[in-house]
Amino acid sequence: MEIINNIIETTINSFDFVYCLIVNILTYTVIKVIDELNGNKPISVWTKRIVLLICILFTGGLYYTIGKDSELLINSAILTPVSWSWIFKPLCIKFNIDYKQLKELD
């Protein structure tokens, strides 16, 4: 039982989950704004990835200037897109929250 507790404690101490949440919310908001400005054209996957990278760098820079450990930030930056795909995106789909413009089918 001690081994499992040690693994859980190490995992929790290796990531900043608030950082992941902030980056995901910021990325979602920026993509939503781009989608509004883009009109009917869909947003490309590369645009979404670039927005994610910029948000990771921006938030990581802020965290680094306030004294957070760079190893923790790198681990959290790697976890951020994974947490979006496996946790936050399914929740958004379940609650019908989507930045995409939904078109009515005739």
PDB file of N, CA and C in Angstrom:
ATOM      1  N   MET A   1       0.817  -1.188   0.000  1.00  0.00           N
ATOM      2  CA  MET A   1       0.000   0.000   0.000  1.00  0.00           C
ATOM      3  C   MET A   1       0.866   1.259   0.000  1.00  0.00           C
ATOM      4  N   GLU A   2       2.016   1.159   0.636  1.00  0.00           N
ATOM      5  CA  GLU A   2       2.920   2.302   0.703  1.00  0.00           C
ATOM      6  C   GLU A   2       3.471   2.650  -0.679  1.00  0.00           C
ATOM      7  N   ILE A   3       3.688   1.638  -1.507  1.00  0.00           N
ATOM      8  CA  ILE A   3       4.196   1.872  -2.864  1.00  0.00           C
ATOM      9  C   ILE A   3       3.173   2.647  -3.683  1.00  0.00           C
ATOM     10  N   ILE A   4       1.901   2.274  -3.573  1.00  0.00           N
ATOM     11  CA  ILE A   4       0.846   2.970  -4.320  1.00  0.00           C
ATOM     12  C   ILE A   4       0.734   4.415  -3.854  1.00  0.00           C
ATOM     13  N   ASN A   5       0.782   4.641  -2.550  1.00  0.00           N
ATOM     14  CA  ASN A   5       0.737   6.007  -2.025  1.00  0.00           C
ATOM     15  C   ASN A   5       1.924   6.825  -2.507  1.00  0.00           C
ATOM     16  N   ASN A   6       3.091   6.194  -2.583  1.00  0.00           N
ATOM     17  CA  ASN A   6       4.289   6.879  -3.065  1.00  0.00           C
ATOM     18  C   ASN A   6       4.141   7.262  -4.535  1.00  0.00           C
ATOM     19  N   ILE A   7       3.583   6.365  -5.340  1.00  0.00           N
ATOM     20  CA  ILE A   7       3.372   6.648  -6.766  1.00  0.00           C
ATOM     21  C   ILE A   7       2.383   7.797  -6.936  1.00  0.00           C
ATOM     22  N   ILE A   8       1.292   7.766  -6.180  1.00  0.00           N
ATOM     23  CA  ILE A   8       0.287   8.833  -6.269  1.00  0.00           C
ATOM     24  C   ILE A   8       0.880  10.166  -5.834  1.00  0.00           C
ATOM     25  N   GLU A   9       1.628  10.176  -4.754  1.00  0.00           N
ATOM     26  CA  GLU A   9       2.244  11.410  -4.263  1.00  0.00           C
ATOM     27  C   GLU A   9       3.251  11.965  -5.269  1.00  0.00           C
ATOM     28  N   THR A  10       4.052  11.095  -5.862  1.00  0.00           N
ATOM     29  CA  THR A  10       5.022  11.527  -6.871  1.00  0.00           C
ATOM     30  C   THR A  10       4.320  12.109  -8.087  1.00  0.00           C
ATOM     31  N   THR A  11       3.237  11.480  -8.508  1.00  0.00           N
ATOM     32  CA  THR A  11       2.478  11.978  -9.657  1.00  0.00           C
ATOM     33  C   THR A  11       1.894  13.350  -9.366  1.00  0.00           C
ATOM     34  N   ILE A  12       1.297  13.514  -8.216  1.00  0.00           N
ATOM     35  CA  ILE A  12       0.702  14.803  -7.850  1.00  0.00           C
ATOM     36  C   ILE A  12       1.767  15.883  -7.752  1.00  0.00           C
ATOM     37  N   ASN A  13       2.931  15.555  -7.230  1.00  0.00           N
ATOM     38  CA  ASN A  13       3.999  16.540  -7.077  1.00  0.00           C
ATOM     39  C   ASN A  13       4.736  16.837  -8.377  1.00  0.00           C
ATOM     40  N   SER A  14       4.532  16.023  -9.417  1.00  0.00           N
ATOM     41  CA  SER A  14       5.237  16.213 -10.685  1.00  0.00           C
ATOM     42  C   SER A  14       4.485  17.107 -11.659  1.00  0.00           C
ATOM     43  N   PHE A  15       3.241  17.431 -11.366  1.00  0.00           N
ATOM     44  CA  PHE A  15       2.424  18.226 -12.273  1.00  0.00           C
ATOM     45  C   PHE A  15       1.741  19.356 -11.522  1.00  0.00           C
ATOM     46  N   ASP A  16       1.459  20.422 -12.239  1.00  0.00           N
ATOM     47  CA  ASP A  16       0.661  21.519 -11.702  1.00  0.00           C
ATOM     48  C   ASP A  16      -0.671  21.485 -12.440  1.00  0.00           C
ATOM     49  N   PHE A  17      -1.680  20.926 -11.791  1.00  0.00           N
ATOM     50  CA  PHE A  17      -2.964  20.725 -12.447  1.00  0.00           C
ATOM     51  C   PHE A  17      -3.701  22.039 -12.681  1.00  0.00           C
ATOM     52  N   VAL A  18      -3.460  23.036 -11.848  1.00  0.00           N
ATOM     53  CA  VAL A  18      -4.059  24.356 -12.068  1.00  0.00           C
ATOM     54  C   VAL A  18      -3.481  24.978 -13.333  1.00  0.00           C
ATOM     55  N   TYR A  19      -2.190  24.789 -13.561  1.00  0.00           N
ATOM     56  CA  TYR A  19      -1.558  25.263 -14.798  1.00  0.00           C
ATOM     57  C   TYR A  19      -2.249  24.645 -16.013  1.00  0.00           C
ATOM     58  N   CYS A  20      -2.487  23.344 -15.966  1.00  0.00           N
ATOM     59  CA  CYS A  20      -3.162  22.658 -17.080  1.00  0.00           C
ATOM     60  C   CYS A  20      -4.550  23.231 -17.305  1.00  0.00           C
ATOM     61  N   LEU A  21      -5.273  23.471 -16.230  1.00  0.00           N
ATOM     62  CA  LEU A  21      -6.617  24.027 -16.339  1.00  0.00           C
ATOM     63  C   LEU A  21      -6.585  25.435 -16.925  1.00  0.00           C
ATOM     64  N   ILE A  22      -5.665  26.267 -16.456  1.00  0.00           N
ATOM     65  CA  ILE A  22      -5.551  27.639 -16.962  1.00  0.00           C
ATOM     66  C   ILE A  22      -5.208  27.638 -18.443  1.00  0.00           C
ATOM     67  N   VAL A  23      -4.240  26.834 -18.850  1.00  0.00           N
ATOM     68  CA  VAL A  23      -3.845  26.786 -20.264  1.00  0.00           C
ATOM     69  C   VAL A  23      -5.005  26.290 -21.122  1.00  0.00           C
ATOM     70  N   ASN A  24      -5.724  25.282 -20.664  1.00  0.00           N
ATOM     71  CA  ASN A  24      -6.855  24.765 -21.440  1.00  0.00           C
ATOM     72  C   ASN A  24      -7.974  25.795 -21.565  1.00  0.00           C
ATOM     73  N   ILE A  25      -8.277  26.507 -20.495  1.00  0.00           N
ATOM     74  CA  ILE A  25      -9.315  27.544 -20.561  1.00  0.00           C
ATOM     75  C   ILE A  25      -8.871  28.684 -21.462  1.00  0.00           C
ATOM     76  N   LEU A  26      -7.617  29.107 -21.335  1.00  0.00           N
ATOM     77  CA  LEU A  26      -7.097  30.182 -22.184  1.00  0.00           C
ATOM     78  C   LEU A  26      -7.104  29.773 -23.652  1.00  0.00           C
ATOM     79  N   THR A  27      -6.657  28.571 -23.943  1.00  0.00           N
ATOM     80  CA  THR A  27      -6.649  28.068 -25.323  1.00  0.00           C
ATOM     81  C   THR A  27      -8.064  27.993 -25.876  1.00  0.00           C
ATOM     82  N   TYR A  28      -8.975  27.465 -25.092  1.00  0.00           N
ATOM     83  CA  TYR A  28     -10.375  27.356 -25.515  1.00  0.00           C
ATOM     84  C   TYR A  28     -10.946  28.739 -25.836  1.00  0.00           C
ATOM     85  N   THR A  29     -10.660  29.718 -24.973  1.00  0.00           N
ATOM     86  CA  THR A  29     -11.170  31.075 -25.169  1.00  0.00           C
ATOM     87  C   THR A  29     -10.598  31.706 -26.426  1.00  0.00           C
ATOM     88  N   VAL A  30      -9.295  31.573 -26.643  1.00  0.00           N
ATOM     89  CA  VAL A  30      -8.663  32.154 -27.832  1.00  0.00           C
ATOM     90  C   VAL A  30      -9.204  31.495 -29.098  1.00  0.00           C
ATOM     91  N   ILE A  31      -9.366  30.179 -29.088  1.00  0.00           N
ATOM     92  CA  ILE A  31      -9.903  29.485 -30.262  1.00  0.00           C
ATOM     93  C   ILE A  31     -11.349  29.910 -30.511  1.00  0.00           C
ATOM     94  N   LYS A  32     -12.109  30.122 -29.452  1.00  0.00           N
ATOM     95  CA  LYS A  32     -13.494  30.587 -29.611  1.00  0.00           C
ATOM     96  C   LYS A  32     -13.523  31.970 -30.257  1.00  0.00           C
ATOM     97  N   VAL A  33     -12.630  32.865 -29.836  1.00  0.00           N
ATOM     98  CA  VAL A  33     -12.556  34.205 -30.437  1.00  0.00           C
ATOM     99  C   VAL A  33     -12.163  34.103 -31.907  1.00  0.00           C
ATOM    100  N   ILE A  34     -11.176  33.275 -32.207  1.00  0.00           N
ATOM    101  CA  ILE A  34     -10.754  33.086 -33.601  1.00  0.00           C
ATOM    102  C   ILE A  34     -11.907  32.531 -34.425  1.00  0.00           C
ATOM    103  N   ASP A  35     -12.662  31.603 -33.861  1.00  0.00           N
ATOM    104  CA  ASP A  35     -13.801  31.022 -34.571  1.00  0.00           C
ATOM    105  C   ASP A  35     -14.865  32.080 -34.858  1.00  0.00           C
ATOM    106  N   GLU A  36     -15.111  32.957 -33.902  1.00  0.00           N
ATOM    107  CA  GLU A  36     -16.083  34.040 -34.113  1.00  0.00           C
ATOM    108  C   GLU A  36     -15.618  34.973 -35.224  1.00  0.00           C
ATOM    109  N   LEU A  37     -14.327  35.290 -35.235  1.00  0.00           N
ATOM    110  CA  LEU A  37     -13.783  36.199 -36.250  1.00  0.00           C
ATOM    111  C   LEU A  37     -13.661  35.530 -37.614  1.00  0.00           C
ATOM    112  N   ASN A  38     -13.563  34.216 -37.620  1.00  0.00           N
ATOM    113  CA  ASN A  38     -13.327  33.454 -38.844  1.00  0.00           C
ATOM    114  C   ASN A  38     -14.586  33.268 -39.689  1.00  0.00           C
ATOM    115  N   GLY A  39     -15.736  33.476 -39.093  1.00  0.00           N
ATOM    116  CA  GLY A  39     -16.976  33.313 -39.846  1.00  0.00           C
ATOM    117  C   GLY A  39     -17.311  31.855 -40.073  1.00  0.00           C
ATOM    118  N   ASN A  40     -17.681  31.523 -41.303  1.00  0.00           N
ATOM    119  CA  ASN A  40     -18.110  30.160 -41.631  1.00  0.00           C
ATOM    120  C   ASN A  40     -16.959  29.189 -41.860  1.00  0.00           C
ATOM    121  N   LYS A  41     -15.759  29.705 -42.066  1.00  0.00           N
ATOM    122  CA  LYS A  41     -14.618  28.826 -42.335  1.00  0.00           C
ATOM    123  C   LYS A  41     -14.197  28.096 -41.056  1.00  0.00           C
ATOM    124  N   PRO A  42     -13.933  26.804 -41.165  1.00  0.00           N
ATOM    125  CA  PRO A  42     -13.471  26.066 -39.978  1.00  0.00           C
ATOM    126  C   PRO A  42     -12.030  26.445 -39.626  1.00  0.00           C
ATOM    127  N   ILE A  43     -11.689  26.270 -38.371  1.00  0.00           N
ATOM    128  CA  ILE A  43     -10.330  26.550 -37.904  1.00  0.00           C
ATOM    129  C   ILE A  43      -9.479  25.320 -38.175  1.00  0.00           C
ATOM    130  N   SER A  44      -8.301  25.525 -38.746  1.00  0.00           N
ATOM    131  CA  SER A  44      -7.437  24.385 -39.066  1.00  0.00           C
ATOM    132  C   SER A  44      -6.825  23.801 -37.791  1.00  0.00           C
ATOM    133  N   VAL A  45      -6.454  22.553 -37.878  1.00  0.00           N
ATOM    134  CA  VAL A  45      -5.828  21.863 -36.752  1.00  0.00           C
ATOM    135  C   VAL A  45      -4.518  22.546 -36.378  1.00  0.00           C
ATOM    136  N   TRP A  46      -3.759  22.989 -37.383  1.00  0.00           N
ATOM    137  CA  TRP A  46      -2.484  23.647 -37.107  1.00  0.00           C
ATOM    138  C   TRP A  46      -2.679  24.964 -36.368  1.00  0.00           C
ATOM    139  N   THR A  47      -3.741  25.687 -36.686  1.00  0.00           N
ATOM    140  CA  THR A  47      -4.033  26.925 -35.962  1.00  0.00           C
ATOM    141  C   THR A  47      -4.313  26.615 -34.496  1.00  0.00           C
ATOM    142  N   LYS A  48      -5.080  25.572 -34.243  1.00  0.00           N
ATOM    143  CA  LYS A  48      -5.378  25.184 -32.862  1.00  0.00           C
ATOM    144  C   LYS A  48      -4.110  24.776 -32.118  1.00  0.00           C
ATOM    145  N   ARG A  49      -3.231  24.064 -32.787  1.00  0.00           N
ATOM    146  CA  ARG A  49      -1.980  23.637 -32.145  1.00  0.00           C
ATOM    147  C   ARG A  49      -1.077  24.825 -31.850  1.00  0.00           C
ATOM    148  N   ILE A  50      -1.021  25.772 -32.778  1.00  0.00           N
ATOM    149  CA  ILE A  50      -0.199  26.966 -32.565  1.00  0.00           C
ATOM    150  C   ILE A  50      -0.761  27.787 -31.411  1.00  0.00           C
ATOM    151  N   VAL A  51      -2.091  27.916 -31.346  1.00  0.00           N
ATOM    152  CA  VAL A  51      -2.717  28.633 -30.232  1.00  0.00           C
ATOM    153  C   VAL A  51      -2.380  27.943 -28.914  1.00  0.00           C
ATOM    154  N   LEU A  52      -2.461  26.621 -28.879  1.00  0.00           N
ATOM    155  CA  LEU A  52      -2.106  25.874 -27.671  1.00  0.00           C
ATOM    156  C   LEU A  52      -0.655  26.130 -27.280  1.00  0.00           C
ATOM    157  N   LEU A  53       0.249  26.071 -28.239  1.00  0.00           N
ATOM    158  CA  LEU A  53       1.664  26.298 -27.955  1.00  0.00           C
ATOM    159  C   LEU A  53       1.907  27.706 -27.415  1.00  0.00           C
ATOM    160  N   ILE A  54       1.263  28.702 -28.016  1.00  0.00           N
ATOM    161  CA  ILE A  54       1.419  30.083 -27.546  1.00  0.00           C
ATOM    162  C   ILE A  54       0.877  30.224 -26.123  1.00  0.00           C
ATOM    163  N   CYS A  55      -0.264  29.611 -25.843  1.00  0.00           N
ATOM    164  CA  CYS A  55      -0.837  29.675 -24.495  1.00  0.00           C
ATOM    165  C   CYS A  55       0.050  28.964 -23.475  1.00  0.00           C
ATOM    166  N   ILE A  56       0.630  27.832 -23.873  1.00  0.00           N
ATOM    167  CA  ILE A  56       1.553  27.115 -22.987  1.00  0.00           C
ATOM    168  C   ILE A  56       2.768  27.986 -22.680  1.00  0.00           C
ATOM    169  N   LEU A  57       3.349  28.598 -23.710  1.00  0.00           N
ATOM    170  CA  LEU A  57       4.530  29.442 -23.506  1.00  0.00           C
ATOM    171  C   LEU A  57       4.199  30.683 -22.679  1.00  0.00           C
ATOM    172  N   PHE A  58       3.068  31.313 -22.967  1.00  0.00           N
ATOM    173  CA  PHE A  58       2.670  32.518 -22.237  1.00  0.00           C
ATOM    174  C   PHE A  58       2.441  32.212 -20.755  1.00  0.00           C
ATOM    175  N   THR A  59       1.633  31.204 -20.482  1.00  0.00           N
ATOM    176  CA  THR A  59       1.333  30.843 -19.097  1.00  0.00           C
ATOM    177  C   THR A  59       2.580  30.302 -18.391  1.00  0.00           C
ATOM    178  N   GLY A  60       3.373  29.510 -19.108  1.00  0.00           N
ATOM    179  CA  GLY A  60       4.619  29.007 -18.530  1.00  0.00           C
ATOM    180  C   GLY A  60       5.581  30.126 -18.186  1.00  0.00           C
ATOM    181  N   GLY A  61       5.649  31.138 -19.051  1.00  0.00           N
ATOM    182  CA  GLY A  61       6.494  32.300 -18.769  1.00  0.00           C
ATOM    183  C   GLY A  61       6.050  33.032 -17.517  1.00  0.00           C
ATOM    184  N   LEU A  62       4.741  33.200 -17.365  1.00  0.00           N
ATOM    185  CA  LEU A  62       4.223  33.847 -16.154  1.00  0.00           C
ATOM    186  C   LEU A  62       4.532  33.018 -14.912  1.00  0.00           C
ATOM    187  N   TYR A  63       4.314  31.734 -14.997  1.00  0.00           N
ATOM    188  CA  TYR A  63       4.604  30.849 -13.869  1.00  0.00           C
ATOM    189  C   TYR A  63       6.102  30.861 -13.534  1.00  0.00           C
ATOM    190  N   TYR A  64       6.933  30.869 -14.563  1.00  0.00           N
ATOM    191  CA  TYR A  64       8.382  30.856 -14.337  1.00  0.00           C
ATOM    192  C   TYR A  64       8.845  32.143 -13.656  1.00  0.00           C
ATOM    193  N   THR A  65       8.249  33.282 -14.046  1.00  0.00           N
ATOM    194  CA  THR A  65       8.656  34.554 -13.440  1.00  0.00           C
ATOM    195  C   THR A  65       8.240  34.652 -11.978  1.00  0.00           C
ATOM    196  N   ILE A  66       7.202  33.922 -11.584  1.00  0.00           N
ATOM    197  CA  ILE A  66       6.830  33.955 -10.165  1.00  0.00           C
ATOM    198  C   ILE A  66       7.558  32.879  -9.357  1.00  0.00           C
ATOM    199  N   GLY A  67       8.442  32.129 -10.037  1.00  0.00           N
ATOM    200  CA  GLY A  67       9.327  31.231  -9.308  1.00  0.00           C
ATOM    201  C   GLY A  67       8.974  29.757  -9.321  1.00  0.00           C
ATOM    202  N   LYS A  68       8.126  29.327 -10.223  1.00  0.00           N
ATOM    203  CA  LYS A  68       7.810  27.898 -10.306  1.00  0.00           C
ATOM    204  C   LYS A  68       8.975  27.132 -10.927  1.00  0.00           C
ATOM    205  N   ASP A  69       9.096  25.880 -10.562  1.00  0.00           N
ATOM    206  CA  ASP A  69      10.156  25.000 -11.047  1.00  0.00           C
ATOM    207  C   ASP A  69       9.961  24.704 -12.533  1.00  0.00           C
ATOM    208  N   SER A  70      11.040  24.817 -13.311  1.00  0.00           N
ATOM    209  CA  SER A  70      10.933  24.602 -14.758  1.00  0.00           C
ATOM    210  C   SER A  70      10.591  23.150 -15.099  1.00  0.00           C
ATOM    211  N   GLU A  71      11.072  22.193 -14.323  1.00  0.00           N
ATOM    212  CA  GLU A  71      10.739  20.783 -14.575  1.00  0.00           C
ATOM    213  C   GLU A  71       9.239  20.545 -14.386  1.00  0.00           C
ATOM    214  N   LEU A  72       8.676  21.155 -13.358  1.00  0.00           N
ATOM    215  CA  LEU A  72       7.240  21.052 -13.111  1.00  0.00           C
ATOM    216  C   LEU A  72       6.450  21.660 -14.269  1.00  0.00           C
ATOM    217  N   LEU A  73       6.926  22.780 -14.801  1.00  0.00           N
ATOM    218  CA  LEU A  73       6.245  23.437 -15.918  1.00  0.00           C
ATOM    219  C   LEU A  73       6.324  22.612 -17.196  1.00  0.00           C
ATOM    220  N   ILE A  74       7.463  21.997 -17.442  1.00  0.00           N
ATOM    221  CA  ILE A  74       7.604  21.152 -18.636  1.00  0.00           C
ATOM    222  C   ILE A  74       6.678  19.939 -18.532  1.00  0.00           C
ATOM    223  N   ASN A  75       6.663  19.299 -17.368  1.00  0.00           N
ATOM    224  CA  ASN A  75       5.753  18.162 -17.169  1.00  0.00           C
ATOM    225  C   ASN A  75       4.299  18.578 -17.361  1.00  0.00           C
ATOM    226  N   SER A  76       3.943  19.726 -16.815  1.00  0.00           N
ATOM    227  CA  SER A  76       2.567  20.208 -16.923  1.00  0.00           C
ATOM    228  C   SER A  76       2.226  20.598 -18.350  1.00  0.00           C
ATOM    229  N   ALA A  77       3.193  21.152 -19.083  1.00  0.00           N
ATOM    230  CA  ALA A  77       2.957  21.508 -20.484  1.00  0.00           C
ATOM    231  C   ALA A  77       2.707  20.259 -21.324  1.00  0.00           C
ATOM    232  N   ILE A  78       3.369  19.175 -20.987  1.00  0.00           N
ATOM    233  CA  ILE A  78       3.142  17.912 -21.693  1.00  0.00           C
ATOM    234  C   ILE A  78       1.770  17.340 -21.320  1.00  0.00           C
ATOM    235  N   LEU A  79       1.382  17.488 -20.073  1.00  0.00           N
ATOM    236  CA  LEU A  79       0.098  16.962 -19.612  1.00  0.00           C
ATOM    237  C   LEU A  79      -1.094  17.766 -20.135  1.00  0.00           C
ATOM    238  N   THR A  80      -0.890  19.034 -20.455  1.00  0.00           N
ATOM    239  CA  THR A  80      -2.001  19.911 -20.836  1.00  0.00           C
ATOM    240  C   THR A  80      -2.822  19.390 -22.015  1.00  0.00           C
ATOM    241  N   PRO A  81      -2.222  19.059 -23.177  1.00  0.00           N
ATOM    242  CA  PRO A  81      -3.072  18.557 -24.266  1.00  0.00           C
ATOM    243  C   PRO A  81      -3.695  17.193 -23.962  1.00  0.00           C
ATOM    244  N   VAL A  82      -3.010  16.396 -23.153  1.00  0.00           N
ATOM    245  CA  VAL A  82      -3.563  15.097 -22.766  1.00  0.00           C
ATOM    246  C   VAL A  82      -4.788  15.300 -21.873  1.00  0.00           C
ATOM    247  N   SER A  83      -4.680  16.238 -20.930  1.00  0.00           N
ATOM    248  CA  SER A  83      -5.822  16.500 -20.049  1.00  0.00           C
ATOM    249  C   SER A  83      -7.000  17.066 -20.833  1.00  0.00           C
ATOM    250  N   TRP A  84      -6.716  17.837 -21.889  1.00  0.00           N
ATOM    251  CA  TRP A  84      -7.807  18.340 -22.729  1.00  0.00           C
ATOM    252  C   TRP A  84      -8.502  17.174 -23.431  1.00  0.00           C
ATOM    253  N   SER A  85      -7.723  16.303 -24.056  1.00  0.00           N
ATOM    254  CA  SER A  85      -8.304  15.208 -24.835  1.00  0.00           C
ATOM    255  C   SER A  85      -9.074  14.207 -23.974  1.00  0.00           C
ATOM    256  N   TRP A  86      -8.559  13.921 -22.786  1.00  0.00           N
ATOM    257  CA  TRP A  86      -9.132  12.845 -21.981  1.00  0.00           C
ATOM    258  C   TRP A  86     -10.090  13.320 -20.893  1.00  0.00           C
ATOM    259  N   ILE A  87      -9.983  14.580 -20.461  1.00  0.00           N
ATOM    260  CA  ILE A  87     -10.825  15.046 -19.355  1.00  0.00           C
ATOM    261  C   ILE A  87     -11.744  16.185 -19.786  1.00  0.00           C
ATOM    262  N   PHE A  88     -11.148  17.292 -20.224  1.00  0.00           N
ATOM    263  CA  PHE A  88     -11.930  18.504 -20.446  1.00  0.00           C
ATOM    264  C   PHE A  88     -12.806  18.445 -21.696  1.00  0.00           C
ATOM    265  N   LYS A  89     -12.307  17.910 -22.791  1.00  0.00           N
ATOM    266  CA  LYS A  89     -13.105  17.834 -24.020  1.00  0.00           C
ATOM    267  C   LYS A  89     -14.331  16.937 -23.845  1.00  0.00           C
ATOM    268  N   PRO A  90     -14.194  15.736 -23.250  1.00  0.00           N
ATOM    269  CA  PRO A  90     -15.408  14.940 -23.013  1.00  0.00           C
ATOM    270  C   PRO A  90     -16.425  15.647 -22.109  1.00  0.00           C
ATOM    271  N   LEU A  91     -15.937  16.416 -21.117  1.00  0.00           N
ATOM    272  CA  LEU A  91     -16.860  17.173 -20.273  1.00  0.00           C
ATOM    273  C   LEU A  91     -17.574  18.259 -21.070  1.00  0.00           C
ATOM    274  N   CYS A  92     -16.829  18.944 -21.935  1.00  0.00           N
ATOM    275  CA  CYS A  92     -17.442  19.978 -22.778  1.00  0.00           C
ATOM    276  C   CYS A  92     -18.489  19.371 -23.706  1.00  0.00           C
ATOM    277  N   ILE A  93     -18.193  18.216 -24.257  1.00  0.00           N
ATOM    278  CA  ILE A  93     -19.149  17.543 -25.140  1.00  0.00           C
ATOM    279  C   ILE A  93     -20.389  17.127 -24.342  1.00  0.00           C
ATOM    280  N   LYS A  94     -20.181  16.604 -23.137  1.00  0.00           N
ATOM    281  CA  LYS A  94     -21.308  16.164 -22.310  1.00  0.00           C
ATOM    282  C   LYS A  94     -22.224  17.327 -21.953  1.00  0.00           C
ATOM    283  N   PHE A  95     -21.650  18.499 -21.662  1.00  0.00           N
ATOM    284  CA  PHE A  95     -22.443  19.667 -21.290  1.00  0.00           C
ATOM    285  C   PHE A  95     -22.789  20.556 -22.483  1.00  0.00           C
ATOM    286  N   ASN A  96     -22.510  20.051 -23.696  1.00  0.00           N
ATOM    287  CA  ASN A  96     -22.847  20.748 -24.936  1.00  0.00           C
ATOM    288  C   ASN A  96     -22.201  22.134 -25.010  1.00  0.00           C
ATOM    289  N   ILE A  97     -20.945  22.214 -24.615  1.00  0.00           N
ATOM    290  CA  ILE A  97     -20.164  23.442 -24.707  1.00  0.00           C
ATOM    291  C   ILE A  97     -19.163  23.228 -25.829  1.00  0.00           C
ATOM    292  N   ASP A  98     -19.258  24.036 -26.884  1.00  0.00           N
ATOM    293  CA  ASP A  98     -18.387  23.830 -28.029  1.00  0.00           C
ATOM    294  C   ASP A  98     -18.083  25.168 -28.675  1.00  0.00           C
ATOM    295  N   TYR A  99     -16.851  25.377 -29.079  1.00  0.00           N
ATOM    296  CA  TYR A  99     -16.487  26.621 -29.745  1.00  0.00           C
ATOM    297  C   TYR A  99     -16.822  26.584 -31.228  1.00  0.00           C
ATOM    298  N   LYS A 100     -17.068  25.412 -31.755  1.00  0.00           N
ATOM    299  CA  LYS A 100     -17.369  25.292 -33.179  1.00  0.00           C
ATOM    300  C   LYS A 100     -18.749  25.858 -33.460  1.00  0.00           C
ATOM    301  N   GLN A 101     -18.888  26.392 -34.641  1.00  0.00           N
ATOM    302  CA  GLN A 101     -20.195  26.903 -35.040  1.00  0.00           C
ATOM    303  C   GLN A 101     -21.008  25.741 -35.581  1.00  0.00           C
ATOM    304  N   LEU A 102     -22.106  25.462 -34.927  1.00  0.00           N
ATOM    305  CA  LEU A 102     -22.955  24.353 -35.345  1.00  0.00           C
ATOM    306  C   LEU A 102     -23.922  24.847 -36.406  1.00  0.00           C
ATOM    307  N   LYS A 103     -24.035  24.089 -37.463  1.00  0.00           N
ATOM    308  CA  LYS A 103     -24.939  24.444 -38.552  1.00  0.00           C
ATOM    309  C   LYS A 103     -26.145  23.525 -38.511  1.00  0.00           C
ATOM    310  N   GLU A 104     -27.279  24.094 -38.770  1.00  0.00           N
ATOM    311  CA  GLU A 104     -28.496  23.291 -38.809  1.00  0.00           C
ATOM    312  C   GLU A 104     -28.537  22.497 -40.104  1.00  0.00           C
ATOM    313  N   LEU A 105     -28.897  21.251 -39.979  1.00  0.00           N
ATOM    314  CA  LEU A 105     -29.040  20.408 -41.161  1.00  0.00           C
ATOM    315  C   LEU A 105     -30.439  20.583 -41.716  1.00  0.00           C
ATOM    316  N   ASP A 106     -30.519  20.841 -42.994  1.00  0.00           N
ATOM    317  CA  ASP A 106     -31.835  21.021 -43.633  1.00  0.00           C
ATOM    318  C   ASP A 106     -32.380  19.714 -44.112  1.00  0.00           C
TER     319      ASP A 106
END
